[in-house]
Amino acid sequence: MKIAVMTNPGELEIREKEIPEYRNTEVLVKISAVGLCTWEQKFFKGIPGSYPFLGGHEISGVVEAVGTEVAQDIKKGDHVVIASLTRCGECYYCRRGLDNLCENTGIDSKPIPGEIWGPGGFSEYFVAKGYEIYKISSDVDINTGTLAEPVACVIRSMDRSRIEFGDTAVVLGGGVMGMIHLLLAKRRGATVIVSEPDEARRGKAVLLGADYVVDPLQNDLPEFVKKHTNERGAEAVFFTAGGKNAINDGIKSLVQNGTMVIYGGTGAEDTVTIDPKLFHYDEIYLTGVSKHTKDTFRRAADLISLGSLPLKELITEEYSFDSIVKAFDRASAIDTFRVIVKM
């Protein structure tokens, strides 16, 4: 089979290796498509930079073979999505049900001897543990399965926000993660305001159901939010992009007892100062999320199987495996949402 190994920033090398053997507790999957997440995009740009690296964790595919001890009722030919960021199941956080915070996964995890570090989805075949496999309906476009992992992460963001029917939600940033927040907030019965400087992305937000869109560079966002909430503010604010200014505007846009979720990544330059009186008198909640859990991945797979989310609207470009470098070059462009590589 072919694999695409990131050898240095901006460099991917197509190599060949044997199709991996699977154990009785594992499943062999023929990969159909992989999404190019911002995490892999950072590696491509040299941030954080640990090479060689075998990326790819937004994976959809078809079951090729099933180990005899796999507990799930899956068989060859089933369409599946893979939660490839392995959980150990034994650390403090896994045993508390916080497997998204597993101490033995991610950049600090120990690679298997003889294997290249990384989630491994940039491959034609993938061996997954039984618990990492989630079946999806064969009636939906299998390419949309690449968005199962992002949807699973956003479901957790929704859960942390305490959003309810009739609430107002503000989404800061109109990239692919902002759009998924928009879609799920609408399914939870919220009025949604999307704050995004790019005109085309604001247009996409309207197409996907946003009640209001606003350019935060040309408008005072907290004033805009209060104007559309009887001067109270939003019950939930989701930060997906925009840096320090967006975070500050988001906090100012909250209603009393409202919740702001820091979903998107931040840098040292995004450090903010918060008046503690906001917590004491306004009783606001400021929280965040990292990754998905087994439960939110299950719910994401179920949502994708229903086919009720317009996820195809977020897959803006597709490339062949041999064109993966070009795919990375396009993945971070402002006029794309999610770029996928098809095997």
Foldseek 3Di string as FASTA:
>chain_A
DWFWWDAQQLDTDIDDDDQDDEALQKWKWQWFKFWDDVVNLCCNRPVVHDPREGETQLTKTFTCQHHNPQPDPDGGGFIKTFRLFDFPCPDPCNVVQNSLVHPATDPPHDDDPPDTDYSHRRDRMDMDGSLGIATADPVFDRHLSSCLFLLQQLVVVVVVQPDAAPFEEEEEEQFQSSLSNLLVSVVRHYQYEYEYQDPVSQVVSVVQPHPYYYDVVVDQLLVVQCVVVVNFAGQEYEYADDAQVSVVSNLSRHGQQHEYEDEHDYDPRRDDDDDCVCCVPSVYHYYYTGTGGSVSSNVSSVVVNVVPRPSVSQADEEEESVCVSVQSVCQPDPPHHIYMYGD
